[in-house]
Amino acid sequence: MPVTPTVNGQVIGQAHYATRAVLERLLATTGTTFHQSVALNVIADTGESIERGRLVDRMTGTLKIDAEAAEATVAELSAAGLLEEVPGSTARVGLTPAGRDRQHAHRAGIADITARLYADLPAEDLAAAGRVLTEVTARANAVLAGA
């Protein structure tokens, strides 16, 4: 009988890379990168539009990328017609109808993947894992911040 490892960086990393590979396979069907999908989700989750600087901040904080990479992602989405400046504002960006459609399609695909990956795992195990990973993330962010 295999021994279940205690959670550690290697176990977290293996789960991250395996699930990200599944997600990237889905995203590849629409030519969307992982960073682009994160930007689309941030905008969709905050409403119709977001201040460009706040979007960049969310991306750098979540993805641990620099502002230039986040700005490049925003520019790619704009060039692809998925993102646009909000009329009458130079500081806000929002999803175009095509961007909304793509984000909705990804969200539906992700819901299917999530159901398949987590279907029979006990709710209490998922809750415990969520608590542990949230705390590990907070501690890692504190280390990155120099605390």
N, C-alpha and C. Protein backbone atom coordinates (compact mmCIF):
# COMPACT_ATOMS: atom_id res chain seq x y z
N MET A 1 0.84 -1.17 0.00
CA MET A 1 0.00 0.00 0.00
C MET A 1 0.90 1.25 0.00
N PRO A 2 0.68 2.17 -0.95
CA PRO A 2 1.53 3.36 -1.00
C PRO A 2 1.33 4.26 0.21
N VAL A 3 2.41 4.90 0.62
CA VAL A 3 2.35 5.82 1.75
C VAL A 3 1.94 7.20 1.22
N THR A 4 0.96 7.80 1.86
CA THR A 4 0.53 9.15 1.47
C THR A 4 1.50 10.14 2.08
N PRO A 5 2.13 10.97 1.24
CA PRO A 5 3.11 11.91 1.77
C PRO A 5 2.45 13.04 2.56
N THR A 6 3.20 13.61 3.47
CA THR A 6 2.77 14.82 4.15
C THR A 6 2.90 15.96 3.16
N VAL A 7 2.00 16.92 3.24
CA VAL A 7 2.06 18.04 2.31
C VAL A 7 3.38 18.78 2.48
N ASN A 8 4.00 19.08 1.35
CA ASN A 8 5.25 19.84 1.33
C ASN A 8 5.36 20.51 -0.04
N GLY A 9 6.41 21.24 -0.27
CA GLY A 9 6.57 21.96 -1.52
C GLY A 9 6.54 21.08 -2.75
N GLN A 10 7.13 19.90 -2.65
CA GLN A 10 7.15 18.99 -3.78
C GLN A 10 5.74 18.49 -4.11
N VAL A 11 4.98 18.11 -3.10
CA VAL A 11 3.62 17.63 -3.33
C VAL A 11 2.75 18.77 -3.89
N ILE A 12 2.90 19.96 -3.32
CA ILE A 12 2.13 21.11 -3.81
C ILE A 12 2.52 21.40 -5.26
N GLY A 13 3.81 21.39 -5.54
CA GLY A 13 4.29 21.66 -6.90
C GLY A 13 3.78 20.65 -7.91
N GLN A 14 3.80 19.38 -7.55
CA GLN A 14 3.31 18.34 -8.47
C GLN A 14 1.84 18.54 -8.77
N ALA A 15 1.06 18.86 -7.74
CA ALA A 15 -0.37 19.11 -7.96
C ALA A 15 -0.57 20.35 -8.82
N HIS A 16 0.20 21.39 -8.54
CA HIS A 16 0.09 22.62 -9.32
C HIS A 16 0.40 22.37 -10.79
N TYR A 17 1.53 21.74 -11.07
CA TYR A 17 1.93 21.55 -12.47
C TYR A 17 1.00 20.59 -13.20
N ALA A 18 0.52 19.58 -12.52
CA ALA A 18 -0.40 18.64 -13.17
C ALA A 18 -1.72 19.32 -13.52
N THR A 19 -2.28 20.07 -12.56
CA THR A 19 -3.56 20.73 -12.84
C THR A 19 -3.38 21.88 -13.82
N ARG A 20 -2.24 22.57 -13.76
CA ARG A 20 -2.01 23.65 -14.71
C ARG A 20 -1.86 23.10 -16.13
N ALA A 21 -1.24 21.94 -16.27
CA ALA A 21 -1.12 21.32 -17.60
C ALA A 21 -2.50 21.00 -18.17
N VAL A 22 -3.40 20.52 -17.32
CA VAL A 22 -4.77 20.24 -17.76
C VAL A 22 -5.44 21.55 -18.19
N LEU A 23 -5.28 22.60 -17.40
CA LEU A 23 -5.87 23.89 -17.73
C LEU A 23 -5.27 24.44 -19.03
N GLU A 24 -3.97 24.37 -19.18
CA GLU A 24 -3.33 24.91 -20.38
C GLU A 24 -3.76 24.16 -21.64
N ARG A 25 -4.07 22.89 -21.50
CA ARG A 25 -4.61 22.14 -22.65
C ARG A 25 -5.95 22.74 -23.08
N LEU A 26 -6.79 23.07 -22.09
CA LEU A 26 -8.07 23.72 -22.39
C LEU A 26 -7.84 25.09 -23.03
N LEU A 27 -6.97 25.89 -22.44
CA LEU A 27 -6.71 27.24 -22.95
C LEU A 27 -6.14 27.22 -24.36
N ALA A 28 -5.34 26.22 -24.67
CA ALA A 28 -4.71 26.12 -26.00
C ALA A 28 -5.75 25.99 -27.10
N THR A 29 -6.92 25.48 -26.78
CA THR A 29 -7.96 25.32 -27.81
C THR A 29 -8.43 26.67 -28.34
N THR A 30 -8.19 27.74 -27.56
CA THR A 30 -8.58 29.08 -28.00
C THR A 30 -7.37 29.99 -28.19
N GLY A 31 -6.17 29.44 -28.07
CA GLY A 31 -4.96 30.24 -28.24
C GLY A 31 -4.73 31.23 -27.11
N THR A 32 -5.21 30.90 -25.94
CA THR A 32 -5.10 31.79 -24.78
C THR A 32 -3.99 31.29 -23.86
N THR A 33 -3.16 32.20 -23.38
CA THR A 33 -2.12 31.82 -22.43
C THR A 33 -2.69 31.80 -21.02
N PHE A 34 -1.95 31.20 -20.12
CA PHE A 34 -2.35 31.16 -18.72
C PHE A 34 -2.49 32.58 -18.17
N HIS A 35 -1.50 33.43 -18.42
CA HIS A 35 -1.56 34.80 -17.90
C HIS A 35 -2.76 35.54 -18.48
N GLN A 36 -3.05 35.33 -19.75
CA GLN A 36 -4.22 35.97 -20.35
C GLN A 36 -5.51 35.50 -19.68
N SER A 37 -5.59 34.22 -19.38
CA SER A 37 -6.80 33.70 -18.74
C SER A 37 -6.98 34.29 -17.35
N VAL A 38 -5.88 34.49 -16.64
CA VAL A 38 -5.97 35.11 -15.32
C VAL A 38 -6.50 36.53 -15.45
N ALA A 39 -5.98 37.29 -16.41
CA ALA A 39 -6.45 38.67 -16.61
C ALA A 39 -7.93 38.69 -16.96
N LEU A 40 -8.36 37.82 -17.86
CA LEU A 40 -9.78 37.76 -18.23
C LEU A 40 -10.65 37.45 -17.01
N ASN A 41 -10.19 36.53 -16.17
CA ASN A 41 -10.94 36.17 -14.97
C ASN A 41 -11.00 37.31 -13.96
N VAL A 42 -9.89 38.01 -13.79
CA VAL A 42 -9.88 39.13 -12.85
C VAL A 42 -10.92 40.16 -13.26
N ILE A 43 -10.95 40.50 -14.55
CA ILE A 43 -11.91 41.49 -15.01
C ILE A 43 -13.34 40.97 -14.85
N ALA A 44 -13.57 39.74 -15.24
CA ALA A 44 -14.92 39.17 -15.13
C ALA A 44 -15.37 39.11 -13.67
N ASP A 45 -14.45 38.81 -12.77
CA ASP A 45 -14.81 38.69 -11.35
C ASP A 45 -15.02 40.02 -10.66
N THR A 46 -14.50 41.10 -11.26
CA THR A 46 -14.66 42.42 -10.63
C THR A 46 -15.77 43.23 -11.27
N GLY A 47 -16.43 42.68 -12.26
CA GLY A 47 -17.52 43.40 -12.92
C GLY A 47 -17.18 43.67 -14.37
N GLU A 48 -17.76 44.70 -14.88
CA GLU A 48 -17.60 45.00 -16.30
C GLU A 48 -16.23 45.58 -16.65
N SER A 49 -15.60 46.27 -15.70
CA SER A 49 -14.32 46.90 -16.01
C SER A 49 -13.50 47.03 -14.73
N ILE A 50 -12.22 47.36 -14.92
CA ILE A 50 -11.29 47.52 -13.81
C ILE A 50 -10.26 48.55 -14.20
N GLU A 51 -9.73 49.27 -13.23
CA GLU A 51 -8.64 50.19 -13.51
C GLU A 51 -7.44 49.36 -13.98
N ARG A 52 -6.81 49.82 -15.05
CA ARG A 52 -5.68 49.09 -15.63
C ARG A 52 -4.60 48.82 -14.57
N GLY A 53 -4.27 49.82 -13.76
CA GLY A 53 -3.25 49.65 -12.72
C GLY A 53 -3.63 48.60 -11.70
N ARG A 54 -4.91 48.55 -11.37
CA ARG A 54 -5.38 47.54 -10.40
C ARG A 54 -5.29 46.14 -11.01
N LEU A 55 -5.60 46.02 -12.30
CA LEU A 55 -5.46 44.73 -12.99
C LEU A 55 -4.00 44.28 -12.97
N VAL A 56 -3.11 45.19 -13.30
CA VAL A 56 -1.67 44.86 -13.29
C VAL A 56 -1.24 44.46 -11.88
N ASP A 57 -1.69 45.20 -10.87
CA ASP A 57 -1.34 44.86 -9.49
C ASP A 57 -1.85 43.47 -9.10
N ARG A 58 -3.08 43.16 -9.48
CA ARG A 58 -3.63 41.83 -9.17
C ARG A 58 -2.82 40.73 -9.85
N MET A 59 -2.44 40.97 -11.10
CA MET A 59 -1.67 39.97 -11.83
C MET A 59 -0.28 39.78 -11.23
N THR A 60 0.39 40.89 -10.88
CA THR A 60 1.74 40.76 -10.30
C THR A 60 1.67 40.09 -8.94
N GLY A 61 0.66 40.43 -8.16
CA GLY A 61 0.53 39.83 -6.84
C GLY A 61 0.16 38.37 -6.87
N THR A 62 -0.70 38.00 -7.79
CA THR A 62 -1.18 36.62 -7.86
C THR A 62 -0.18 35.71 -8.58
N LEU A 63 0.32 36.19 -9.71
CA LEU A 63 1.17 35.35 -10.56
C LEU A 63 2.66 35.47 -10.23
N LYS A 64 3.01 36.44 -9.41
CA LYS A 64 4.41 36.69 -9.06
C LYS A 64 5.23 37.00 -10.31
N ILE A 65 4.67 37.86 -11.16
CA ILE A 65 5.36 38.32 -12.36
C ILE A 65 5.61 39.82 -12.19
N ASP A 66 6.49 40.37 -13.02
CA ASP A 66 6.73 41.81 -12.91
C ASP A 66 5.67 42.59 -13.68
N ALA A 67 5.62 43.88 -13.42
CA ALA A 67 4.60 44.73 -14.04
C ALA A 67 4.71 44.74 -15.56
N GLU A 68 5.93 44.65 -16.07
CA GLU A 68 6.10 44.65 -17.53
C GLU A 68 5.44 43.44 -18.17
N ALA A 69 5.56 42.28 -17.54
CA ALA A 69 4.92 41.07 -18.06
C ALA A 69 3.40 41.19 -18.00
N ALA A 70 2.91 41.76 -16.92
CA ALA A 70 1.46 41.96 -16.79
C ALA A 70 0.96 42.95 -17.84
N GLU A 71 1.69 44.05 -18.03
CA GLU A 71 1.31 45.03 -19.05
C GLU A 71 1.34 44.41 -20.44
N ALA A 72 2.32 43.55 -20.70
CA ALA A 72 2.40 42.89 -22.00
C ALA A 72 1.19 41.99 -22.21
N THR A 73 0.75 41.33 -21.17
CA THR A 73 -0.43 40.47 -21.27
C THR A 73 -1.67 41.30 -21.58
N VAL A 74 -1.81 42.43 -20.92
CA VAL A 74 -2.95 43.32 -21.18
C VAL A 74 -2.90 43.80 -22.64
N ALA A 75 -1.71 44.14 -23.11
CA ALA A 75 -1.56 44.59 -24.50
C ALA A 75 -1.92 43.47 -25.48
N GLU A 76 -1.53 42.24 -25.18
CA GLU A 76 -1.88 41.09 -26.03
C GLU A 76 -3.39 40.92 -26.12
N LEU A 77 -4.06 41.03 -24.98
CA LEU A 77 -5.51 40.88 -24.96
C LEU A 77 -6.19 41.99 -25.74
N SER A 78 -5.66 43.19 -25.64
CA SER A 78 -6.22 44.31 -26.41
C SER A 78 -6.02 44.08 -27.90
N ALA A 79 -4.81 43.67 -28.28
CA ALA A 79 -4.51 43.42 -29.69
C ALA A 79 -5.37 42.30 -30.26
N ALA A 80 -5.75 41.34 -29.42
CA ALA A 80 -6.58 40.21 -29.86
C ALA A 80 -8.06 40.56 -29.88
N GLY A 81 -8.40 41.78 -29.46
CA GLY A 81 -9.80 42.21 -29.46
C GLY A 81 -10.61 41.64 -28.31
N LEU A 82 -9.94 41.22 -27.23
CA LEU A 82 -10.64 40.63 -26.09
C LEU A 82 -10.80 41.63 -24.95
N LEU A 83 -10.05 42.71 -25.03
CA LEU A 83 -10.02 43.72 -23.98
C LEU A 83 -9.99 45.08 -24.65
N GLU A 84 -10.65 46.06 -24.03
CA GLU A 84 -10.65 47.41 -24.60
C GLU A 84 -10.69 48.44 -23.49
N GLU A 85 -10.23 49.64 -23.82
CA GLU A 85 -10.37 50.74 -22.87
C GLU A 85 -11.84 51.09 -22.77
N VAL A 86 -12.29 51.38 -21.56
CA VAL A 86 -13.68 51.76 -21.35
C VAL A 86 -13.88 53.14 -21.98
N PRO A 87 -14.90 53.29 -22.83
CA PRO A 87 -15.13 54.60 -23.46
C PRO A 87 -15.23 55.71 -22.43
N GLY A 88 -14.54 56.81 -22.71
CA GLY A 88 -14.55 57.95 -21.81
C GLY A 88 -13.56 57.84 -20.66
N SER A 89 -12.75 56.78 -20.66
CA SER A 89 -11.78 56.57 -19.59
C SER A 89 -10.49 56.05 -20.20
N THR A 90 -9.38 56.61 -19.79
CA THR A 90 -8.09 56.09 -20.26
C THR A 90 -7.46 55.16 -19.23
N ALA A 91 -8.09 55.06 -18.07
CA ALA A 91 -7.50 54.27 -16.99
C ALA A 91 -8.22 52.94 -16.75
N ARG A 92 -9.37 52.72 -17.39
CA ARG A 92 -10.14 51.50 -17.14
C ARG A 92 -10.18 50.63 -18.39
N VAL A 93 -10.13 49.32 -18.17
CA VAL A 93 -10.27 48.37 -19.27
C VAL A 93 -11.40 47.41 -18.94
N GLY A 94 -12.02 46.89 -19.99
CA GLY A 94 -13.11 45.95 -19.82
C GLY A 94 -13.07 44.90 -20.92
N LEU A 95 -13.82 43.86 -20.72
CA LEU A 95 -13.91 42.79 -21.71
C LEU A 95 -14.76 43.24 -22.89
N THR A 96 -14.34 42.89 -24.08
CA THR A 96 -15.18 43.08 -25.26
C THR A 96 -16.17 41.92 -25.28
N PRO A 97 -17.17 41.96 -26.14
CA PRO A 97 -18.06 40.80 -26.26
C PRO A 97 -17.28 39.51 -26.55
N ALA A 98 -16.25 39.58 -27.39
CA ALA A 98 -15.44 38.39 -27.69
C ALA A 98 -14.67 37.94 -26.45
N GLY A 99 -14.19 38.90 -25.66
CA GLY A 99 -13.49 38.57 -24.43
C GLY A 99 -14.40 37.92 -23.42
N ARG A 100 -15.64 38.43 -23.33
CA ARG A 100 -16.63 37.83 -22.43
C ARG A 100 -16.95 36.40 -22.86
N ASP A 101 -17.14 36.21 -24.17
CA ASP A 101 -17.44 34.86 -24.67
C ASP A 101 -16.31 33.89 -24.36
N ARG A 102 -15.08 34.34 -24.58
CA ARG A 102 -13.94 33.45 -24.32
C ARG A 102 -13.84 33.12 -22.84
N GLN A 103 -14.00 34.11 -21.99
CA GLN A 103 -13.91 33.88 -20.55
C GLN A 103 -15.02 32.94 -20.09
N HIS A 104 -16.22 33.10 -20.62
CA HIS A 104 -17.34 32.20 -20.27
C HIS A 104 -17.04 30.77 -20.73
N ALA A 105 -16.49 30.63 -21.92
CA ALA A 105 -16.15 29.29 -22.42
C ALA A 105 -15.09 28.64 -21.54
N HIS A 106 -14.08 29.41 -21.16
CA HIS A 106 -13.05 28.86 -20.27
C HIS A 106 -13.66 28.47 -18.93
N ARG A 107 -14.49 29.33 -18.39
CA ARG A 107 -15.10 29.05 -17.09
C ARG A 107 -15.91 27.75 -17.14
N ALA A 108 -16.64 27.53 -18.23
CA ALA A 108 -17.42 26.29 -18.37
C ALA A 108 -16.49 25.08 -18.46
N GLY A 109 -15.42 25.20 -19.22
CA GLY A 109 -14.46 24.11 -19.33
C GLY A 109 -13.78 23.82 -18.00
N ILE A 110 -13.45 24.86 -17.27
CA ILE A 110 -12.82 24.70 -15.96
C ILE A 110 -13.78 24.04 -14.98
N ALA A 111 -15.05 24.39 -15.05
CA ALA A 111 -16.04 23.75 -14.17
C ALA A 111 -16.09 22.25 -14.42
N ASP A 112 -16.01 21.86 -15.68
CA ASP A 112 -16.01 20.44 -16.02
C ASP A 112 -14.75 19.75 -15.49
N ILE A 113 -13.61 20.38 -15.68
CA ILE A 113 -12.34 19.82 -15.19
C ILE A 113 -12.37 19.71 -13.68
N THR A 114 -12.84 20.76 -13.01
CA THR A 114 -12.90 20.76 -11.56
C THR A 114 -13.77 19.62 -11.05
N ALA A 115 -14.91 19.43 -11.67
CA ALA A 115 -15.80 18.34 -11.26
C ALA A 115 -15.10 17.00 -11.39
N ARG A 116 -14.35 16.81 -12.46
CA ARG A 116 -13.66 15.54 -12.66
C ARG A 116 -12.52 15.34 -11.66
N LEU A 117 -11.79 16.40 -11.34
CA LEU A 117 -10.63 16.27 -10.45
C LEU A 117 -11.01 16.13 -8.98
N TYR A 118 -12.09 16.79 -8.56
CA TYR A 118 -12.43 16.84 -7.14
C TYR A 118 -13.68 16.03 -6.78
N ALA A 119 -14.28 15.37 -7.74
CA ALA A 119 -15.60 14.75 -7.60
C ALA A 119 -15.80 13.92 -6.33
N ASP A 120 -14.94 13.00 -6.05
CA ASP A 120 -15.19 12.08 -4.95
C ASP A 120 -14.31 12.33 -3.73
N LEU A 121 -13.68 13.49 -3.66
CA LEU A 121 -12.86 13.81 -2.50
C LEU A 121 -13.75 14.34 -1.39
N PRO A 122 -13.55 13.87 -0.17
CA PRO A 122 -14.40 14.30 0.95
C PRO A 122 -14.30 15.81 1.18
N ALA A 123 -15.45 16.41 1.44
CA ALA A 123 -15.51 17.86 1.67
C ALA A 123 -14.59 18.30 2.80
N GLU A 124 -14.50 17.51 3.85
CA GLU A 124 -13.65 17.90 4.98
C GLU A 124 -12.16 17.86 4.59
N ASP A 125 -11.77 16.94 3.71
CA ASP A 125 -10.39 16.91 3.23
C ASP A 125 -10.09 18.13 2.36
N LEU A 126 -11.04 18.50 1.51
CA LEU A 126 -10.85 19.68 0.67
C LEU A 126 -10.77 20.94 1.53
N ALA A 127 -11.59 21.02 2.57
CA ALA A 127 -11.55 22.18 3.46
C ALA A 127 -10.21 22.26 4.20
N ALA A 128 -9.72 21.12 4.69
CA ALA A 128 -8.43 21.11 5.39
C ALA A 128 -7.31 21.50 4.44
N ALA A 129 -7.32 20.97 3.24
CA ALA A 129 -6.30 21.32 2.26
C ALA A 129 -6.36 22.81 1.94
N GLY A 130 -7.56 23.34 1.80
CA GLY A 130 -7.73 24.76 1.53
C GLY A 130 -7.15 25.63 2.64
N ARG A 131 -7.41 25.24 3.88
CA ARG A 131 -6.87 26.00 5.02
C ARG A 131 -5.35 25.96 5.03
N VAL A 132 -4.78 24.80 4.84
CA VAL A 132 -3.32 24.65 4.87
C VAL A 132 -2.68 25.44 3.73
N LEU A 133 -3.21 25.29 2.53
CA LEU A 133 -2.60 25.97 1.38
C LEU A 133 -2.77 27.48 1.46
N THR A 134 -3.87 27.96 2.02
CA THR A 134 -4.06 29.39 2.22
C THR A 134 -3.02 29.93 3.19
N GLU A 135 -2.76 29.20 4.25
CA GLU A 135 -1.76 29.62 5.22
C GLU A 135 -0.35 29.57 4.63
N VAL A 136 -0.03 28.53 3.89
CA VAL A 136 1.29 28.43 3.24
C VAL A 136 1.48 29.60 2.27
N THR A 137 0.43 29.93 1.52
CA THR A 137 0.51 31.06 0.59
C THR A 137 0.76 32.36 1.34
N ALA A 138 0.05 32.59 2.42
CA ALA A 138 0.23 33.80 3.21
C ALA A 138 1.67 33.88 3.75
N ARG A 139 2.19 32.78 4.22
CA ARG A 139 3.55 32.78 4.75
C ARG A 139 4.57 33.02 3.65
N ALA A 140 4.37 32.41 2.50
CA ALA A 140 5.29 32.63 1.38
C ALA A 140 5.23 34.09 0.92
N ASN A 141 4.04 34.68 0.88
CA ASN A 141 3.92 36.09 0.50
C ASN A 141 4.64 36.98 1.52
N ALA A 142 4.57 36.62 2.80
CA ALA A 142 5.28 37.39 3.83
C ALA A 142 6.79 37.30 3.63
N VAL A 143 7.28 36.12 3.29
CA VAL A 143 8.71 35.96 3.01
C VAL A 143 9.11 36.82 1.81
N LEU A 144 8.30 36.80 0.76
CA LEU A 144 8.59 37.60 -0.42
C LEU A 144 8.57 39.09 -0.12
N ALA A 145 7.71 39.49 0.81
CA ALA A 145 7.62 40.89 1.20
C ALA A 145 8.74 41.32 2.15
N GLY A 146 9.54 40.34 2.56
CA GLY A 146 10.67 40.66 3.44
C GLY A 146 10.36 40.62 4.91
N ALA A 147 9.21 40.07 5.25
CA ALA A 147 8.82 40.01 6.67
C ALA A 147 9.53 38.88 7.40
